Amino acid sequence: MRLPFPSRCPVDAGASRAAPMSSIRSSLAMAVAIAAALLCAGCPLPAAAEDLLEIYAQARAADPVLAGARAVRGEQQELAVQARAQLLPQWSAQLSESQLRDDGRQHQLTHSLNQVLVDLSRLRSWDAAKTLVSAEDARVRAAEADLCARVARAYFGVLNAQATLQTAQAIEDVYGQQVAQAQSRFEAKLSASLDVEQGRAYYELSRGNTAQAREELLDARQALAQITGRMPGELKPLAPELAMLPPDPAEPEAWVTQALRDNPSLQAAALAVSAGDQRVAAARAAHLPTLSAGLDGQRLSGPAVAPQDAGRYTTTIGLRLTIPIFAGGATESQKRQAIFQREQLRDDLERARRAMTRETQAQYQAVLSALSQMRTAGAAVQAAEKALASTRSGLDLGARTMTDLLLAIQTQSNARNAWEQARHRYVLSKLLLQQAAGALGEPQLAAVNTLLDAAAPPQPPTSSPVPAQKS
């Protein structure tokens, strides 16, 4: 890179000889720094590809869904503290001043200390609050597993979109080369214009597919950025070699049993039902008597107070038995409300169990289906490559047309794309099966992360130029 120095620079000779050496060194150092900055600006260093664990770490720090689940858990913890406080001593003090009509002012200082001895309603309410804290802990674990699944789904969604775009771009490049060759043969009067128009039709269709694939890739990257809060860079793809292992255990009933036992969402729903039972018990206990102990004190002062009572401190200690008699039907209504809420929670739990059974079986079958697709897509890739080689040979001998070659290239590209999609689906389905079984976390993502490769993924060999037809 050349710097724009002027061609002429008139300098006075005497002033030049008088210039100090330090000024010359400063000018040279500044020129070197400017040149280095310009060179570095033109040659940026390549950014390292991000892997699944790095994306998960970003999502864990910035995902609002997980943060919201933690906030709800903190709120429920404070509600449990407030429910417990109703069973602890309550102490209050009050200072008042009153003006009597003739006798002047009176100052009154009172305090009251009260301790609940027997109150089953408050005790059952505290039990329900503690159970709901455990339920929120389970929901946080479910949110963490859901975050793992969402990150993996978005990560492999980007890889799927990249594979689709690479295939579409490769097909577009081949069709563009075919159009150029068909145009050259037409101008040399070696083929009809029909070959040119047909090639252009294929080319324009492929350009539309490439534009759509590019749009889908941008949307997939935006979906990942929605979780992490930042646009992702280059992502590491799956390694070319991927072991095809069936689910272990091999029986779907074992996975369903584990899901019904260990899935944190079901555990949270079951704990919510237990809390509902405890709230029903609390509502029923509201009909029962309560017993508490109290310590009350009073001190009077002021001109309006009798001399024998001025400054005297009075203390009262006693037990208070409260028997509910009639509250306008509110107590019975609250009991019925708690029962209805508990029945709704039981219905929600049953619905969640049935949905989890279906989801677990579906993910188990998805893993088997992905394995089958990987095998069939791999066989299709091999068959398509052999067919492409045979078509190229036939084209050289005049037994095949250019259209046959284009169709063979497109078939091979689609087969390679289907193979990549099946590989991504297989890895993602295993993670989703683990999520349903309540066994998805960072260790499982780390295991998948070992399957990633920083090297470039295997590319479909459809970008090779179309051979020119012999006249």
Protein backbone atom coordinates (compact mmCIF):
# COMPACT_ATOMS: atom_id res chain seq x y z
CA MET A 1 0.00 0.00 0.00
CA ARG A 2 1.44 3.34 -1.08
CA LEU A 3 1.06 6.37 1.15
CA PRO A 4 0.20 9.70 -0.56
CA PHE A 5 3.45 11.63 -0.10
CA PRO A 6 3.81 14.90 -2.08
CA SER A 7 6.21 14.85 -5.02
CA ARG A 8 7.92 18.04 -3.98
CA CYS A 9 8.59 19.27 -0.50
CA PRO A 10 10.59 22.57 -0.42
CA VAL A 11 12.56 22.70 2.81
CA ASP A 12 15.03 25.32 3.89
CA ALA A 13 18.51 23.74 4.09
CA GLY A 14 19.60 25.63 7.17
CA ALA A 15 16.41 24.79 9.02
CA SER A 16 16.83 21.13 8.06
CA ARG A 17 20.36 20.98 9.43
CA ALA A 18 19.17 22.67 12.60
CA ALA A 19 16.29 20.20 13.18
CA PRO A 20 16.99 17.97 16.18
CA MET A 21 17.48 14.24 15.66
CA SER A 22 14.61 13.43 18.08
CA SER A 23 12.09 15.19 15.81
CA ILE A 24 13.23 13.09 12.82
CA ARG A 25 12.89 9.89 14.82
CA SER A 26 9.37 10.90 15.94
CA SER A 27 8.29 11.53 12.36
CA LEU A 28 9.65 8.17 11.19
CA ALA A 29 7.96 6.36 14.07
CA MET A 30 4.62 8.02 13.26
CA ALA A 31 4.91 7.08 9.57
CA VAL A 32 5.68 3.47 10.44
CA ALA A 33 2.71 3.33 12.84
CA ILE A 34 0.33 4.71 10.22
CA ALA A 35 1.55 2.23 7.61
CA ALA A 36 1.19 -0.69 10.02
CA ALA A 37 -2.33 0.39 10.96
CA LEU A 38 -3.35 0.58 7.32
CA LEU A 39 -1.87 -2.83 6.56
CA CYS A 40 -3.61 -4.41 9.57
CA ALA A 41 -6.91 -2.81 8.58
CA GLY A 42 -6.66 -4.46 5.19
CA CYS A 43 -5.74 -7.90 6.61
CA PRO A 44 -8.11 -8.80 9.47
CA LEU A 45 -7.34 -11.93 11.45
CA PRO A 46 -9.81 -14.78 11.02
CA ALA A 47 -12.15 -15.33 13.95
CA ALA A 48 -12.16 -18.72 15.62
CA ALA A 49 -15.29 -20.83 15.13
CA GLU A 50 -17.59 -21.10 18.13
CA ASP A 51 -18.65 -24.49 19.48
CA LEU A 52 -21.80 -25.65 21.24
CA LEU A 53 -20.52 -25.10 24.78
CA GLU A 54 -19.45 -21.53 24.02
CA ILE A 55 -22.90 -20.75 22.62
CA TYR A 56 -24.51 -22.39 25.68
CA ALA A 57 -22.38 -20.29 28.04
CA GLN A 58 -23.52 -17.13 26.26
CA ALA A 59 -27.16 -18.24 26.42
CA ARG A 60 -26.97 -19.17 30.11
CA ALA A 61 -25.74 -15.67 30.92
CA ALA A 62 -28.22 -13.80 28.72
CA ASP A 63 -31.36 -15.93 28.23
CA PRO A 64 -34.42 -14.10 29.64
CA VAL A 65 -36.48 -17.31 29.95
CA LEU A 66 -34.04 -18.89 32.39
CA ALA A 67 -33.64 -15.59 34.25
CA GLY A 68 -37.44 -15.35 34.57
CA ALA A 69 -37.65 -18.87 36.03
CA ARG A 70 -35.02 -17.98 38.62
CA ALA A 71 -36.89 -14.78 39.51
CA VAL A 72 -40.13 -16.72 40.06
CA ARG A 73 -38.24 -19.13 42.33
CA GLY A 74 -36.86 -16.21 44.34
CA GLU A 75 -40.36 -14.77 44.69
CA GLN A 76 -41.68 -18.09 45.99
CA GLN A 77 -38.81 -18.34 48.47
CA GLU A 78 -39.80 -14.97 49.90
CA LEU A 79 -43.44 -16.10 50.13
CA ALA A 80 -42.27 -19.09 52.17
CA VAL A 81 -40.36 -16.73 54.48
CA GLN A 82 -43.52 -14.64 54.91
CA ALA A 83 -45.62 -17.74 55.66
CA ARG A 84 -43.10 -18.83 58.30
CA ALA A 85 -43.13 -15.36 59.83
CA GLN A 86 -46.84 -15.82 60.71
CA LEU A 87 -45.78 -18.55 63.18
CA LEU A 88 -43.00 -16.52 64.84
CA PRO A 89 -43.37 -13.92 67.65
CA GLN A 90 -45.03 -10.65 66.62
CA TRP A 91 -43.98 -7.56 68.60
CA SER A 92 -45.29 -4.06 68.11
CA ALA A 93 -45.14 -0.79 70.02
CA GLN A 94 -47.32 2.30 69.88
CA LEU A 95 -46.88 5.81 71.26
CA SER A 96 -49.91 8.09 71.37
CA GLU A 97 -50.70 11.55 72.73
CA SER A 98 -54.17 12.83 73.44
CA GLN A 99 -55.55 16.23 74.53
CA LEU A 100 -58.26 16.14 77.19
CA ARG A 101 -60.71 19.01 77.43
CA ASP A 102 -59.88 20.23 80.94
CA ASP A 103 -57.03 18.15 82.30
CA GLY A 104 -54.42 18.74 79.61
CA ARG A 105 -52.35 16.23 77.65
CA GLN A 106 -51.88 12.51 78.17
CA HIS A 107 -49.02 10.38 76.79
CA GLN A 108 -49.51 6.64 76.38
CA LEU A 109 -46.84 4.08 75.48
CA THR A 110 -48.02 0.52 74.78
CA HIS A 111 -46.44 -2.59 73.34
CA SER A 112 -47.74 -6.04 72.51
CA LEU A 113 -45.84 -9.32 72.09
CA ASN A 114 -47.82 -12.23 70.67
CA GLN A 115 -46.75 -15.81 69.93
CA VAL A 116 -48.91 -18.36 68.13
CA LEU A 117 -49.06 -21.66 70.01
CA VAL A 118 -51.62 -23.62 67.98
CA ASP A 119 -52.79 -22.56 64.51
CA LEU A 120 -53.08 -25.44 62.08
CA SER A 121 -54.22 -23.20 59.26
CA ARG A 122 -51.03 -21.12 59.31
CA LEU A 123 -48.89 -24.23 59.74
CA ARG A 124 -50.41 -25.93 56.68
CA SER A 125 -50.01 -22.70 54.69
CA TRP A 126 -46.30 -22.69 55.55
CA ASP A 127 -46.02 -26.32 54.44
CA ALA A 128 -47.66 -25.41 51.12
CA ALA A 129 -45.27 -22.50 50.62
CA LYS A 130 -42.23 -24.74 51.26
CA THR A 131 -43.56 -27.34 48.82
CA LEU A 132 -43.99 -24.65 46.18
CA VAL A 133 -40.36 -23.63 46.67
CA SER A 134 -39.36 -27.20 45.82
CA ALA A 135 -41.67 -27.03 42.81
CA GLU A 136 -39.97 -23.85 41.59
CA ASP A 137 -36.57 -25.50 42.04
CA ALA A 138 -37.77 -28.25 39.72
CA ARG A 139 -39.06 -25.67 37.24
CA VAL A 140 -35.66 -23.98 37.22
CA ARG A 141 -34.06 -27.35 36.43
CA ALA A 142 -36.62 -27.80 33.66
CA ALA A 143 -35.80 -24.32 32.33
CA GLU A 144 -32.08 -25.18 32.31
CA ALA A 145 -32.77 -28.39 30.38
CA ASP A 146 -35.04 -26.46 28.03
CA LEU A 147 -32.26 -23.94 27.47
CA CYS A 148 -29.90 -26.78 26.52
CA ALA A 149 -32.48 -28.07 24.05
CA ARG A 150 -33.20 -24.62 22.59
CA VAL A 151 -29.50 -23.89 22.14
CA ALA A 152 -28.91 -27.26 20.46
CA ARG A 153 -31.98 -26.85 18.24
CA ALA A 154 -30.92 -23.35 17.16
CA TYR A 155 -27.26 -24.41 16.73
CA PHE A 156 -28.08 -27.30 14.44
CA GLY A 157 -30.72 -25.18 12.75
CA VAL A 158 -27.92 -22.87 11.63
CA LEU A 159 -25.87 -25.85 10.43
CA ASN A 160 -28.88 -27.19 8.51
CA ALA A 161 -29.43 -23.82 6.87
CA GLN A 162 -25.75 -23.59 5.97
CA ALA A 163 -25.81 -27.04 4.35
CA THR A 164 -28.92 -26.11 2.37
CA LEU A 165 -27.34 -22.85 1.21
CA GLN A 166 -24.12 -24.59 0.17
CA THR A 167 -26.10 -27.10 -1.87
CA ALA A 168 -28.22 -24.41 -3.50
CA GLN A 169 -25.15 -22.29 -4.28
CA ALA A 170 -23.31 -25.27 -5.78
CA ILE A 171 -26.27 -26.11 -8.03
CA GLU A 172 -26.55 -22.47 -9.09
CA ASP A 173 -22.85 -22.38 -10.00
CA VAL A 174 -23.14 -25.53 -12.11
CA TYR A 175 -26.22 -24.22 -13.92
CA GLY A 176 -24.43 -20.95 -14.57
CA GLN A 177 -21.52 -22.82 -16.12
CA GLN A 178 -23.94 -24.86 -18.23
CA VAL A 179 -25.63 -21.71 -19.53
CA ALA A 180 -22.26 -20.26 -20.54
CA GLN A 181 -21.25 -23.45 -22.34
CA ALA A 182 -24.64 -23.77 -24.05
CA GLN A 183 -24.35 -20.17 -25.24
CA SER A 184 -20.88 -20.85 -26.63
CA ARG A 185 -22.07 -23.96 -28.47
CA PHE A 186 -25.05 -22.07 -29.87
CA GLU A 187 -22.84 -19.27 -31.12
CA ALA A 188 -20.58 -21.87 -32.74
CA LYS A 189 -23.70 -23.41 -34.36
CA LEU A 190 -23.10 -26.72 -32.54
CA SER A 191 -26.48 -26.79 -30.73
CA ALA A 192 -29.95 -25.32 -30.94
CA SER A 193 -31.24 -22.35 -28.96
CA LEU A 194 -33.45 -24.74 -27.00
CA ASP A 195 -30.41 -25.84 -24.96
CA VAL A 196 -29.66 -22.22 -24.06
CA GLU A 197 -33.21 -21.42 -22.97
CA GLN A 198 -33.51 -24.63 -21.02
CA GLY A 199 -30.22 -23.94 -19.24
CA ARG A 200 -31.38 -20.43 -18.40
CA ALA A 201 -34.63 -21.76 -16.95
CA TYR A 202 -32.74 -24.12 -14.66
CA TYR A 203 -30.32 -21.33 -13.73
CA GLU A 204 -33.03 -18.82 -12.80
CA LEU A 205 -34.85 -21.41 -10.71
CA SER A 206 -31.62 -22.25 -8.90
CA ARG A 207 -31.01 -18.56 -8.19
CA GLY A 208 -34.41 -18.35 -6.50
CA ASN A 209 -33.62 -21.41 -4.40
CA THR A 210 -30.29 -19.88 -3.37
CA ALA A 211 -31.96 -16.62 -2.33
CA GLN A 212 -34.51 -18.53 -0.26
CA ALA A 213 -31.77 -20.62 1.37
CA ARG A 214 -29.82 -17.47 2.20
CA GLU A 215 -32.92 -15.96 3.83
CA GLU A 216 -33.49 -19.13 5.87
CA LEU A 217 -29.88 -19.04 7.05
CA LEU A 218 -30.26 -15.45 8.21
CA ASP A 219 -33.45 -16.37 10.10
CA ALA A 220 -31.69 -19.36 11.72
CA ARG A 221 -28.87 -17.11 12.89
CA GLN A 222 -31.41 -14.64 14.26
CA ALA A 223 -33.11 -17.49 16.16
CA LEU A 224 -29.79 -18.31 17.81
CA ALA A 225 -29.15 -14.63 18.55
CA GLN A 226 -32.57 -14.44 20.23
CA ILE A 227 -31.30 -16.91 22.85
CA THR A 228 -27.76 -15.60 23.33
CA GLY A 229 -28.40 -11.89 22.88
CA ARG A 230 -25.71 -11.53 20.19
CA MET A 231 -25.27 -12.54 16.58
CA PRO A 232 -23.20 -15.75 16.39
CA GLY A 233 -20.02 -16.07 14.38
CA GLU A 234 -18.86 -19.14 12.53
CA LEU A 235 -20.07 -22.38 14.11
CA LYS A 236 -18.15 -25.64 14.26
CA PRO A 237 -19.84 -28.36 12.19
CA LEU A 238 -20.15 -32.04 12.95
CA ALA A 239 -17.09 -34.15 12.26
CA PRO A 240 -17.24 -36.23 9.06
CA GLU A 241 -17.18 -39.47 11.03
CA LEU A 242 -20.18 -39.91 13.32
CA ALA A 243 -20.96 -43.11 15.22
CA MET A 244 -24.52 -44.29 14.59
CA LEU A 245 -25.62 -45.70 17.95
CA PRO A 246 -29.23 -46.59 18.83
CA PRO A 247 -30.79 -45.36 22.09
CA ASP A 248 -29.62 -47.09 25.24
CA PRO A 249 -31.75 -48.63 26.73
CA ALA A 250 -33.28 -50.00 23.56
CA GLU A 251 -36.86 -50.28 24.88
CA PRO A 252 -39.05 -47.17 24.59
CA GLU A 253 -40.96 -48.20 27.73
CA ALA A 254 -37.77 -47.78 29.78
CA TRP A 255 -37.40 -44.23 28.49
CA VAL A 256 -41.04 -43.47 29.28
CA THR A 257 -40.65 -44.83 32.82
CA GLN A 258 -37.56 -42.69 33.38
CA ALA A 259 -39.31 -39.61 31.99
CA LEU A 260 -42.33 -40.05 34.26
CA ARG A 261 -39.97 -40.40 37.23
CA ASP A 262 -37.17 -37.91 36.54
CA ASN A 263 -38.54 -35.20 34.25
CA PRO A 264 -38.33 -31.94 36.26
CA SER A 265 -41.48 -30.48 34.70
CA LEU A 266 -43.51 -33.47 35.91
CA GLN A 267 -41.84 -33.25 39.31
CA ALA A 268 -42.84 -29.59 39.57
CA ALA A 269 -46.44 -30.44 38.61
CA ALA A 270 -46.56 -33.24 41.20
CA LEU A 271 -45.22 -30.91 43.90
CA ALA A 272 -47.84 -28.33 42.93
CA VAL A 273 -50.53 -30.97 43.55
CA SER A 274 -49.01 -31.68 46.98
CA ALA A 275 -49.07 -27.98 47.76
CA GLY A 276 -52.72 -27.94 46.68
CA ASP A 277 -53.50 -30.68 49.19
CA GLN A 278 -51.79 -28.66 51.91
CA ARG A 279 -53.76 -25.54 50.97
CA VAL A 280 -56.98 -27.55 51.24
CA ALA A 281 -55.89 -28.69 54.72
CA ALA A 282 -55.14 -25.07 55.63
CA ALA A 283 -58.59 -23.96 54.46
CA ARG A 284 -60.28 -26.71 56.47
CA ALA A 285 -58.23 -25.82 59.57
CA ALA A 286 -59.57 -22.27 59.40
CA HIS A 287 -62.69 -23.62 61.19
CA LEU A 288 -60.61 -24.80 64.17
CA PRO A 289 -59.78 -22.77 67.30
CA THR A 290 -56.39 -21.10 67.62
CA LEU A 291 -54.31 -20.56 70.77
CA SER A 292 -51.72 -17.84 71.31
CA ALA A 293 -49.76 -16.30 74.20
CA GLY A 294 -49.52 -12.57 74.71
CA LEU A 295 -47.48 -10.07 76.70
CA ASP A 296 -48.90 -6.54 76.77
CA GLY A 297 -47.44 -3.49 78.50
CA GLN A 298 -48.64 0.08 79.08
CA ARG A 299 -47.16 3.28 80.54
CA LEU A 300 -49.04 6.58 81.04
CA SER A 301 -47.62 10.05 81.61
CA GLY A 302 -48.66 13.69 81.30
CA PRO A 303 -50.65 16.30 83.23
CA ALA A 304 -53.94 14.56 82.56
CA VAL A 305 -52.85 11.33 84.27
CA ALA A 306 -53.69 10.73 87.89
CA PRO A 307 -50.64 11.07 90.19
CA GLN A 308 -50.83 7.46 91.32
CA ASP A 309 -50.80 6.24 87.66
CA ALA A 310 -48.20 8.63 86.25
CA GLY A 311 -45.08 6.81 85.14
CA ARG A 312 -46.49 3.47 86.21
CA TYR A 313 -45.78 0.51 83.92
CA THR A 314 -48.53 -2.12 83.65
CA THR A 315 -47.83 -5.60 82.29
CA THR A 316 -50.39 -8.20 81.24
CA ILE A 317 -49.59 -11.82 80.42
CA GLY A 318 -52.24 -14.20 79.15
CA LEU A 319 -53.38 -16.89 76.79
CA ARG A 320 -55.83 -16.09 74.02
CA LEU A 321 -58.16 -18.77 72.63
CA THR A 322 -59.95 -17.77 69.44
CA ILE A 323 -62.92 -19.82 68.22
CA PRO A 324 -64.26 -19.01 64.73
CA ILE A 325 -68.04 -18.93 64.79
CA PHE A 326 -69.32 -17.19 61.68
CA ALA A 327 -67.54 -15.26 58.91
CA GLY A 328 -70.38 -14.75 56.47
CA GLY A 329 -69.58 -17.97 54.58
CA ALA A 330 -66.11 -16.83 53.54
CA THR A 331 -64.29 -19.66 55.33
CA GLU A 332 -66.35 -22.37 53.64
CA SER A 333 -66.01 -20.63 50.28
CA GLN A 334 -62.23 -20.51 50.65
CA LYS A 335 -62.21 -24.25 51.36
CA ARG A 336 -64.20 -24.98 48.18
CA GLN A 337 -61.90 -22.68 46.22
CA ALA A 338 -58.82 -24.59 47.47
CA ILE A 339 -60.44 -27.89 46.46
CA PHE A 340 -61.18 -26.64 42.95
CA GLN A 341 -57.61 -25.38 42.60
CA ARG A 342 -56.25 -28.76 43.71
CA GLU A 343 -58.43 -30.60 41.20
CA GLN A 344 -57.21 -28.32 38.43
CA LEU A 345 -53.61 -29.05 39.41
CA ARG A 346 -54.31 -32.78 39.32
CA ASP A 347 -55.79 -32.46 35.84
CA ASP A 348 -52.75 -30.46 34.73
CA LEU A 349 -50.47 -33.18 36.09
CA GLU A 350 -52.34 -35.93 34.28
CA ARG A 351 -52.30 -33.95 31.04
CA ALA A 352 -48.56 -33.34 31.44
CA ARG A 353 -47.91 -37.04 32.09
CA ARG A 354 -49.78 -38.07 28.98
CA ALA A 355 -48.03 -35.43 26.89
CA MET A 356 -44.65 -36.49 28.27
CA THR A 357 -45.37 -40.13 27.43
CA ARG A 358 -46.16 -39.18 23.86
CA GLU A 359 -43.17 -36.83 23.60
CA THR A 360 -40.74 -39.45 24.91
CA GLN A 361 -41.99 -42.10 22.51
CA ALA A 362 -41.87 -39.59 19.63
CA GLN A 363 -38.27 -38.63 20.38
CA TYR A 364 -37.30 -42.28 20.68
CA GLN A 365 -38.76 -42.96 17.24
CA ALA A 366 -37.10 -39.79 15.93
CA VAL A 367 -33.69 -41.18 16.89
CA LEU A 368 -34.42 -44.46 15.09
CA SER A 369 -35.78 -42.57 12.09
CA ALA A 370 -32.69 -40.36 11.93
CA LEU A 371 -30.47 -43.44 12.04
CA SER A 372 -32.42 -44.95 9.15
CA GLN A 373 -32.22 -41.69 7.21
CA MET A 374 -28.47 -41.52 7.76
CA ARG A 375 -28.05 -45.02 6.31
CA THR A 376 -30.35 -44.45 3.35
CA ALA A 377 -28.94 -40.98 2.65
CA GLY A 378 -25.39 -42.36 2.77
CA ALA A 379 -26.36 -45.09 0.29
CA ALA A 380 -28.07 -42.46 -1.87
CA VAL A 381 -24.90 -40.35 -1.90
CA GLN A 382 -22.82 -43.30 -3.07
CA ALA A 383 -25.36 -44.21 -5.75
CA ALA A 384 -25.66 -40.59 -6.90
CA GLU A 385 -21.88 -40.22 -7.18
CA LYS A 386 -21.67 -43.39 -9.30
CA ALA A 387 -24.57 -42.18 -11.45
CA LEU A 388 -22.87 -38.81 -11.89
CA ALA A 389 -19.62 -40.45 -12.95
CA SER A 390 -21.50 -42.67 -15.41
CA THR A 391 -23.40 -39.67 -16.80
CA ARG A 392 -20.16 -37.75 -17.33
CA SER A 393 -18.71 -40.71 -19.22
CA GLY A 394 -21.88 -41.03 -21.28
CA LEU A 395 -21.77 -37.34 -22.09
CA ASP A 396 -18.22 -37.69 -23.40
CA LEU A 397 -19.35 -40.61 -25.61
CA GLY A 398 -22.46 -38.80 -26.84
CA ALA A 399 -24.88 -41.23 -25.14
CA ARG A 400 -26.05 -38.65 -22.56
CA THR A 401 -27.30 -35.10 -22.88
CA MET A 402 -26.45 -32.01 -20.92
CA THR A 403 -29.86 -32.21 -19.25
CA ASP A 404 -29.02 -35.68 -17.95
CA LEU A 405 -25.80 -34.36 -16.47
CA LEU A 406 -27.56 -31.45 -14.76
CA LEU A 407 -30.15 -33.76 -13.24
CA ALA A 408 -27.40 -36.11 -12.03
CA ILE A 409 -25.54 -33.21 -10.39
CA GLN A 410 -28.71 -31.97 -8.73
CA THR A 411 -29.55 -35.46 -7.46
CA GLN A 412 -26.10 -35.86 -5.97
CA SER A 413 -26.25 -32.45 -4.29
CA ASN A 414 -29.66 -33.14 -2.80
CA ALA A 415 -28.45 -36.54 -1.56
CA ARG A 416 -25.48 -34.95 0.19
CA ASN A 417 -27.75 -32.32 1.72
CA ALA A 418 -30.17 -34.99 2.96
CA TRP A 419 -27.22 -36.82 4.51
CA GLU A 420 -26.12 -33.71 6.41
CA GLN A 421 -29.68 -32.99 7.56
CA ALA A 422 -30.06 -36.57 8.84
CA ARG A 423 -26.79 -36.32 10.80
CA HIS A 424 -27.94 -33.12 12.50
CA ARG A 425 -31.36 -34.57 13.22
CA TYR A 426 -29.82 -37.68 14.77
CA VAL A 427 -27.70 -35.71 17.26
CA LEU A 428 -30.54 -33.32 18.10
CA SER A 429 -33.06 -36.14 18.56
CA LYS A 430 -30.81 -37.87 21.08
CA LEU A 431 -30.57 -34.64 23.07
CA LEU A 432 -34.33 -34.14 23.00
CA LEU A 433 -34.84 -37.74 24.13
CA GLN A 434 -32.52 -37.07 27.07
CA GLN A 435 -34.46 -33.90 27.86
CA ALA A 436 -37.73 -35.83 27.99
CA ALA A 437 -36.12 -38.40 30.28
CA GLY A 438 -34.92 -35.66 32.64
CA ALA A 439 -31.23 -36.29 31.86
CA LEU A 440 -30.28 -33.28 29.72
CA GLY A 441 -27.71 -30.81 31.03
CA GLU A 442 -24.32 -29.33 30.36
CA PRO A 443 -22.53 -32.74 30.53
CA GLN A 444 -24.70 -34.00 27.66
CA LEU A 445 -23.93 -30.87 25.64
CA ALA A 446 -20.22 -31.40 26.36
CA ALA A 447 -20.51 -34.94 24.96
CA VAL A 448 -22.06 -33.58 21.77
CA ASN A 449 -19.40 -30.87 21.66
CA THR A 450 -16.74 -33.58 21.25
CA LEU A 451 -18.46 -34.56 17.98
CA LEU A 452 -17.81 -31.13 16.48
CA ASP A 453 -14.86 -30.45 14.22
CA ALA A 454 -13.18 -27.11 13.63
CA ALA A 455 -12.25 -28.20 10.10
CA ALA A 456 -14.54 -27.43 7.19
CA PRO A 457 -17.46 -29.84 6.79
CA PRO A 458 -17.47 -32.29 3.87
CA GLN A 459 -18.71 -30.39 0.83
CA PRO A 460 -20.90 -31.90 -1.88
CA PRO A 461 -18.76 -32.28 -5.01
CA THR A 462 -21.26 -30.37 -7.12
CA SER A 463 -19.14 -27.29 -7.60
CA SER A 464 -16.92 -28.97 -10.14
CA PRO A 465 -17.25 -27.40 -13.60
CA VAL A 466 -19.44 -29.05 -16.19
CA PRO A 467 -17.29 -30.62 -18.90
CA ALA A 468 -17.61 -29.14 -22.32
CA GLN A 469 -19.51 -31.24 -24.85
CA LYS A 470 -17.59 -32.57 -27.79
CA SER A 471 -18.77 -31.58 -31.20
